[in-house]
Protein backbone atom coordinates (compact mmCIF):
# COMPACT_ATOMS: atom_id res chain seq x y z
CA UNK A 1 47.02 -12.65 76.93
CA UNK A 2 48.54 -14.02 73.75
CA UNK A 3 46.67 -13.43 70.52
CA UNK A 4 47.86 -14.07 66.99
CA UNK A 5 46.85 -13.70 63.37
CA UNK A 6 47.99 -16.51 61.09
CA UNK A 7 48.11 -15.64 57.39
CA UNK A 8 48.13 -18.47 54.85
CA UNK A 9 49.15 -17.43 51.35
CA UNK A 10 47.70 -19.10 48.21
CA UNK A 11 50.92 -21.13 47.82
CA UNK A 12 50.52 -22.55 51.33
CA UNK A 13 53.23 -20.49 53.04
CA UNK A 14 52.19 -19.28 56.46
CA UNK A 15 53.15 -16.37 58.69
CA UNK A 16 52.16 -15.69 62.30
CA UNK A 17 51.79 -12.17 63.66
CA UNK A 18 51.18 -11.23 67.31
CA UNK A 19 48.37 -8.82 68.14
CA UNK A 20 50.00 -6.17 70.26
CA UNK A 21 47.72 -3.98 72.32
CA UNK A 22 43.93 -3.87 72.45
CA UNK A 23 43.37 -4.21 68.70
CA UNK A 24 45.12 -4.49 65.36
CA UNK A 25 44.33 -3.83 61.72
CA UNK A 26 45.17 -6.18 58.85
CA UNK A 27 45.72 -4.79 55.37
CA UNK A 28 48.16 -4.07 52.57
CA UNK A 29 48.96 -0.57 53.85
CA UNK A 30 52.32 0.01 55.46
CA UNK A 31 50.47 1.68 58.36
CA UNK A 32 48.39 -1.42 59.15
CA UNK A 33 49.47 -3.17 62.36
CA UNK A 34 49.71 -6.40 60.35
CA UNK A 35 50.84 -5.32 56.90
CA UNK A 36 50.68 -7.70 53.93
CA UNK A 37 51.65 -5.43 51.02
CA UNK A 38 51.68 -8.24 48.43
CA UNK A 39 48.05 -9.23 49.08
CA UNK A 40 46.10 -7.56 46.27
CA UNK A 41 42.85 -8.92 47.74
CA UNK A 42 43.14 -6.67 50.78
CA UNK A 43 42.13 -3.07 51.26
CA UNK A 44 44.66 -0.72 52.83
CA UNK A 45 43.15 -1.70 56.20
CA UNK A 46 40.80 -4.61 55.55
CA UNK A 47 40.13 -6.10 59.01
CA UNK A 48 39.98 -4.75 62.53
CA UNK A 49 40.70 -7.44 65.16
CA UNK A 50 40.21 -6.86 68.88
CA UNK A 51 40.90 -9.75 71.32
CA UNK A 52 38.21 -10.30 73.95
CA UNK A 53 39.74 -12.75 76.41
CA UNK A 54 38.93 -16.45 76.45
CA UNK A 55 35.77 -16.07 74.36
CA UNK A 56 37.61 -15.05 71.20
CA UNK A 57 37.83 -11.70 69.44
CA UNK A 58 35.80 -9.04 67.72
CA UNK A 59 36.44 -8.80 63.99
CA UNK A 60 35.13 -6.12 61.65
CA UNK A 61 35.51 -5.82 57.87
CA UNK A 62 36.15 -2.46 56.25
CA UNK A 63 32.98 -1.15 54.68
CA UNK A 64 33.19 -0.93 50.91
CA UNK A 65 35.90 -3.60 50.64
CA UNK A 66 36.06 -4.86 47.05
CA UNK A 67 36.94 -8.42 48.08
CA UNK A 68 34.46 -9.77 50.65
CA UNK A 69 35.54 -11.46 53.85
CA UNK A 70 34.09 -14.98 54.06
CA UNK A 71 33.55 -17.05 57.20
CA UNK A 72 32.37 -20.64 56.76
CA UNK A 73 31.41 -19.83 53.19
CA UNK A 74 29.26 -16.82 54.04
CA UNK A 75 30.03 -13.08 53.78
CA UNK A 76 31.18 -11.65 57.11
CA UNK A 77 30.91 -8.00 58.14
CA UNK A 78 31.51 -7.86 61.89
CA UNK A 79 30.95 -9.74 65.13
CA UNK A 80 32.48 -11.90 67.85
CA UNK A 81 34.22 -15.08 66.67
CA UNK A 82 35.86 -17.86 68.71
CA UNK A 83 39.58 -18.50 68.65
CA UNK A 84 40.54 -20.70 65.73
CA UNK A 85 38.12 -19.03 63.31
CA UNK A 86 39.44 -18.80 59.76
CA UNK A 87 38.47 -16.15 57.23
CA UNK A 88 38.90 -16.30 53.46
CA UNK A 89 39.60 -13.10 51.55
CA UNK A 90 40.01 -14.08 47.94
CA UNK A 91 42.69 -16.79 47.98
CA UNK A 92 44.13 -15.50 51.24
CA UNK A 93 43.23 -17.24 54.52
CA UNK A 94 43.43 -15.45 57.84
CA UNK A 95 43.07 -17.30 61.13
CA UNK A 96 42.73 -15.77 64.62
CA UNK A 97 44.22 -17.87 67.39
CA UNK A 98 45.81 -17.92 70.82
CA UNK A 99 48.19 -20.35 72.48
CA UNK A 100 45.48 -22.24 74.30
CA UNK A 101 43.81 -23.05 71.00
CA UNK A 102 46.97 -24.74 69.74
CA UNK A 103 47.62 -26.94 72.81
CA UNK A 104 45.49 -30.09 72.40
CA UNK A 105 47.62 -33.06 73.36
CA UNK A 106 45.48 -35.25 75.62
CA UNK A 107 44.93 -32.36 77.98
CA UNK A 108 48.67 -31.97 78.58
CA UNK A 109 50.32 -28.58 78.38
CA UNK A 110 53.72 -28.50 76.74
CA UNK A 111 56.58 -27.51 79.08
CA UNK A 112 57.73 -25.12 76.37
CA UNK A 113 54.33 -23.42 76.45
CA UNK A 114 54.44 -23.22 80.24
CA UNK A 115 57.89 -21.68 80.14
CA UNK A 116 56.78 -19.18 77.51
CA UNK A 117 53.75 -18.28 79.63
CA UNK A 118 55.96 -17.63 82.65
CA UNK A 119 58.17 -15.35 80.58
CA UNK A 120 55.17 -13.49 79.15
CA UNK A 121 53.65 -12.99 82.61
CA UNK A 122 56.94 -11.73 84.00
CA UNK A 123 57.36 -9.28 81.14
CA UNK A 124 53.75 -8.17 81.43
CA UNK A 125 54.15 -7.60 85.16
CA UNK A 126 57.19 -5.44 84.53
CA UNK A 127 55.36 -3.37 81.93
CA UNK A 128 52.30 -2.98 84.12
CA UNK A 129 54.36 -1.90 87.11
CA UNK A 130 56.08 0.67 84.93
CA UNK A 131 52.93 2.13 83.36
CA UNK A 132 49.99 0.92 85.42
CA UNK A 133 50.78 2.78 88.64
CA UNK A 134 51.20 6.20 87.02
CA UNK A 135 48.65 8.70 88.30
CA UNK A 136 45.91 9.86 85.98
CA UNK A 137 46.32 13.49 84.93
CA UNK A 138 43.71 15.99 86.07
CA UNK A 139 41.36 17.51 83.49
CA UNK A 140 40.45 20.41 85.76
CA UNK A 141 40.40 23.68 83.83
CA UNK A 142 40.84 21.96 80.45
CA UNK A 143 38.04 22.68 78.00
CA UNK A 144 37.35 20.14 75.24
CA UNK A 145 37.93 21.76 71.84
CA UNK A 146 35.33 22.22 69.15
CA UNK A 147 35.67 19.61 66.41
CA UNK A 148 34.65 21.83 63.50
CA UNK A 149 35.96 25.39 63.37
CA UNK A 150 37.04 25.87 59.75
CA UNK A 151 33.92 25.05 57.73
CA UNK A 152 32.54 27.11 54.82
CA UNK A 153 35.67 26.31 52.86
CA UNK A 154 36.40 26.82 49.17
CA UNK A 155 36.43 24.59 46.11
CA UNK A 156 39.90 23.35 45.07
CA UNK A 157 41.39 25.27 42.18
CA UNK A 158 42.47 23.83 38.86
CA UNK A 159 39.43 21.89 37.68
CA UNK A 160 35.82 22.02 36.63
CA UNK A 161 33.84 22.81 39.82
CA UNK A 162 30.85 20.72 38.74
CA UNK A 163 33.00 17.62 38.20
CA UNK A 164 34.94 18.26 41.38
CA UNK A 165 31.70 18.65 43.33
CA UNK A 166 30.46 15.22 42.22
CA UNK A 167 33.77 13.55 43.03
CA UNK A 168 34.00 15.15 46.48
CA UNK A 169 30.35 14.34 47.22
CA UNK A 170 31.01 10.65 46.45
CA UNK A 171 33.99 10.67 48.82
CA UNK A 172 31.88 12.37 51.49
CA UNK A 173 29.19 9.69 51.24
CA UNK A 174 31.82 6.94 51.43
CA UNK A 175 33.44 8.47 54.52
CA UNK A 176 30.08 9.03 56.17
CA UNK A 177 29.09 5.39 55.66
CA UNK A 178 32.29 4.33 57.45
CA UNK A 179 31.75 6.55 60.51
CA UNK A 180 30.72 3.76 62.89
CA UNK A 181 33.74 1.73 61.83
CA UNK A 182 36.28 4.55 61.94
CA UNK A 183 35.29 7.78 63.68
CA UNK A 184 37.94 9.75 61.77
CA UNK A 185 36.02 9.08 58.57
CA UNK A 186 32.95 10.84 59.96
CA UNK A 187 34.98 13.95 60.74
CA UNK A 188 36.41 13.90 57.22
CA UNK A 189 32.91 13.43 55.78
CA UNK A 190 31.79 16.72 57.35
CA UNK A 191 34.76 18.53 55.83
CA UNK A 192 34.14 16.93 52.43
CA UNK A 193 30.42 17.81 52.40
CA UNK A 194 31.42 21.39 53.15
CA UNK A 195 33.90 21.38 50.29
CA UNK A 196 31.37 19.79 47.90
CA UNK A 197 28.88 22.55 48.76
CA UNK A 198 31.47 25.19 47.81
CA UNK A 199 32.12 23.45 44.48
CA UNK A 200 28.41 23.18 43.68
CA UNK A 201 28.01 26.89 44.43
CA UNK A 202 30.92 27.68 42.12
CA UNK A 203 29.24 25.57 39.42
CA UNK A 204 25.97 27.49 39.88
CA UNK A 205 24.09 24.46 41.25
CA UNK A 206 22.45 26.14 44.26
CA UNK A 207 20.00 23.37 45.10
CA UNK A 208 22.70 20.70 45.31
CA UNK A 209 24.91 23.06 47.32
CA UNK A 210 22.08 23.41 49.85
CA UNK A 211 21.71 19.63 49.96
CA UNK A 212 25.42 19.25 50.74
CA UNK A 213 25.08 21.82 53.54
CA UNK A 214 22.10 19.88 54.92
CA UNK A 215 24.02 16.60 54.91
CA UNK A 216 27.09 18.34 56.36
CA UNK A 217 25.07 19.73 59.27
CA UNK A 218 23.28 16.42 59.85
CA UNK A 219 26.59 14.54 60.04
CA UNK A 220 28.11 17.30 62.16
CA UNK A 221 25.23 17.16 64.67
CA UNK A 222 25.54 13.37 64.92
CA UNK A 223 29.28 13.54 65.58
CA UNK A 224 29.05 16.40 68.08
CA UNK A 225 26.34 14.54 70.00
CA UNK A 226 28.51 11.43 70.01
CA UNK A 227 31.50 13.53 71.09
CA UNK A 228 29.62 14.90 74.11
CA UNK A 229 28.22 11.48 75.07
CA UNK A 230 31.64 9.84 74.92
CA UNK A 231 33.17 12.53 77.14
CA UNK A 232 30.46 11.91 79.72
CA UNK A 233 30.96 8.14 79.54
CA UNK A 234 34.71 8.59 79.94
CA UNK A 235 34.23 10.80 82.99
CA UNK A 236 31.97 8.18 84.59
CA UNK A 237 34.35 5.33 83.68
CA UNK A 238 37.32 7.14 85.25
CA UNK A 239 35.31 7.89 88.38
CA UNK A 240 34.27 4.25 88.78
CA UNK A 241 37.62 2.82 87.61
CA UNK A 242 35.92 0.96 84.79
CA UNK A 243 39.10 0.57 82.76
CA UNK A 244 37.50 -1.38 79.93
CA UNK A 245 34.95 1.35 79.21
CA UNK A 246 37.57 4.04 79.74
CA UNK A 247 39.81 2.31 77.20
CA UNK A 248 37.03 2.29 74.61
CA UNK A 249 36.14 5.94 75.16
CA UNK A 250 39.70 7.29 75.18
CA UNK A 251 40.42 5.51 71.89
CA UNK A 252 37.21 6.83 70.36
CA UNK A 253 37.82 10.39 71.54
CA UNK A 254 41.38 10.20 70.22
CA UNK A 255 39.97 9.35 66.78
CA UNK A 256 37.46 12.20 66.91
CA UNK A 257 40.14 14.75 67.81
CA UNK A 258 42.98 13.38 65.67
CA UNK A 259 42.64 16.23 63.14
CA UNK A 260 43.22 18.92 65.78
CA UNK A 261 46.51 20.58 66.57
CA UNK A 262 48.82 18.43 68.70
CA UNK A 263 49.46 21.20 71.22
CA UNK A 264 45.81 21.44 72.25
CA UNK A 265 45.61 20.97 76.04
CA UNK A 266 42.68 18.56 75.86
CA UNK A 267 44.31 16.43 73.15
CA UNK A 268 47.50 16.26 75.24
CA UNK A 269 45.52 15.30 78.37
CA UNK A 270 43.55 12.69 76.42
CA UNK A 271 46.64 10.99 75.01
CA UNK A 272 48.30 10.69 78.41
CA UNK A 273 45.06 9.43 79.96
CA UNK A 274 44.60 6.90 77.13
CA UNK A 275 48.07 5.45 77.69
CA UNK A 276 47.61 5.05 81.46
CA UNK A 277 44.08 3.66 81.12
CA UNK A 278 45.25 1.10 78.55
CA UNK A 279 48.02 -0.08 80.88
CA UNK A 280 45.53 -0.54 83.71
CA UNK A 281 43.04 -2.30 81.46
CA UNK A 282 45.73 -4.68 80.17
CA UNK A 283 46.81 -5.43 83.73
CA UNK A 284 43.20 -6.14 84.74
CA UNK A 285 42.69 -8.55 81.81
CA UNK A 286 45.90 -10.43 82.58
CA UNK A 287 44.91 -10.86 86.23
CA UNK A 288 41.61 -12.58 85.39
C-alpha cells in the first residue's frame, strides 16, 4: 500500500515522503528514514510510524523528547491514528496520509491515480516474486547467542569516577526507560548500569555500586526473558505462516542482537529470515 508523511514547515512549504517498508522514523538525524535536519524541534529520531492498512497507522513519540508531539491540541505519546491525522511538533506540522485519503472528488477516482496504482501493483508483484518465494533458511543446529557476555566492565579512564558514575547512571536510567520503544536501548542500559557500578566502586561508594548491580541484573533478567519469549513466538509464527507476527518478532530479535558480532550464525540466520518474512508479509498485505 501507499503511505506518506507530509511535512509542513513554519513558512508553509511542504514536502511529501513515502514510507518504505513496514515502518519509518522521522527526526533530524541523518539515519532517520525521513530526515529533516533543519528542524530544531525534532529529536534525532522523534517519531516512529508504522502503517496498518486501511485503518491508519501506529505512531509513537520518542520518550524524553524535549518538544512534545501534539494531536488535536493534546500531548500524544503513542497509539493508532487514522489516515489524515496531523501532528504538531513546535511549529512543524506532520501529517500521515495515503492516496485514498487524498481522492475525494464526488466518489470519482482520478485516472492518474488509477494508472499510478497499476504501476505500483505491477512493481510490487515483481518485487514479491523476486523475494517472496525464497525458501526460509533452517535454524537446525544454530544456537541463539547470549546477549550479555562482557559484563563486570571497568570505569572509563581520564575523569573523576564519582562524577562519571552519576553521569553514566543517568544515561542508564534514560536508556532503560526507552526499552519498550527501542529494544536496543534496553541492552545498552544493562551495559551502562554495569559501567556505573564499576565507577561507583572506584569512587569508594559501595552501596551505590551494589544498587547499580541490582538494577543491571533486574534489567538483564527482563530482557533475557523477553528474548526467550520472542524466540518462541517467532518459532510458532513461522510454523503457522503467521507472517505479520513473524515480521514483528524478527525485527525485535534483530534489535536485541544488534550489538553482537555480525558473523554469529544465529544473527546471520535471523537477518535472512527477517528479509524473507518481510517480503511475504508485504505480499499478504497487498493482496487484501
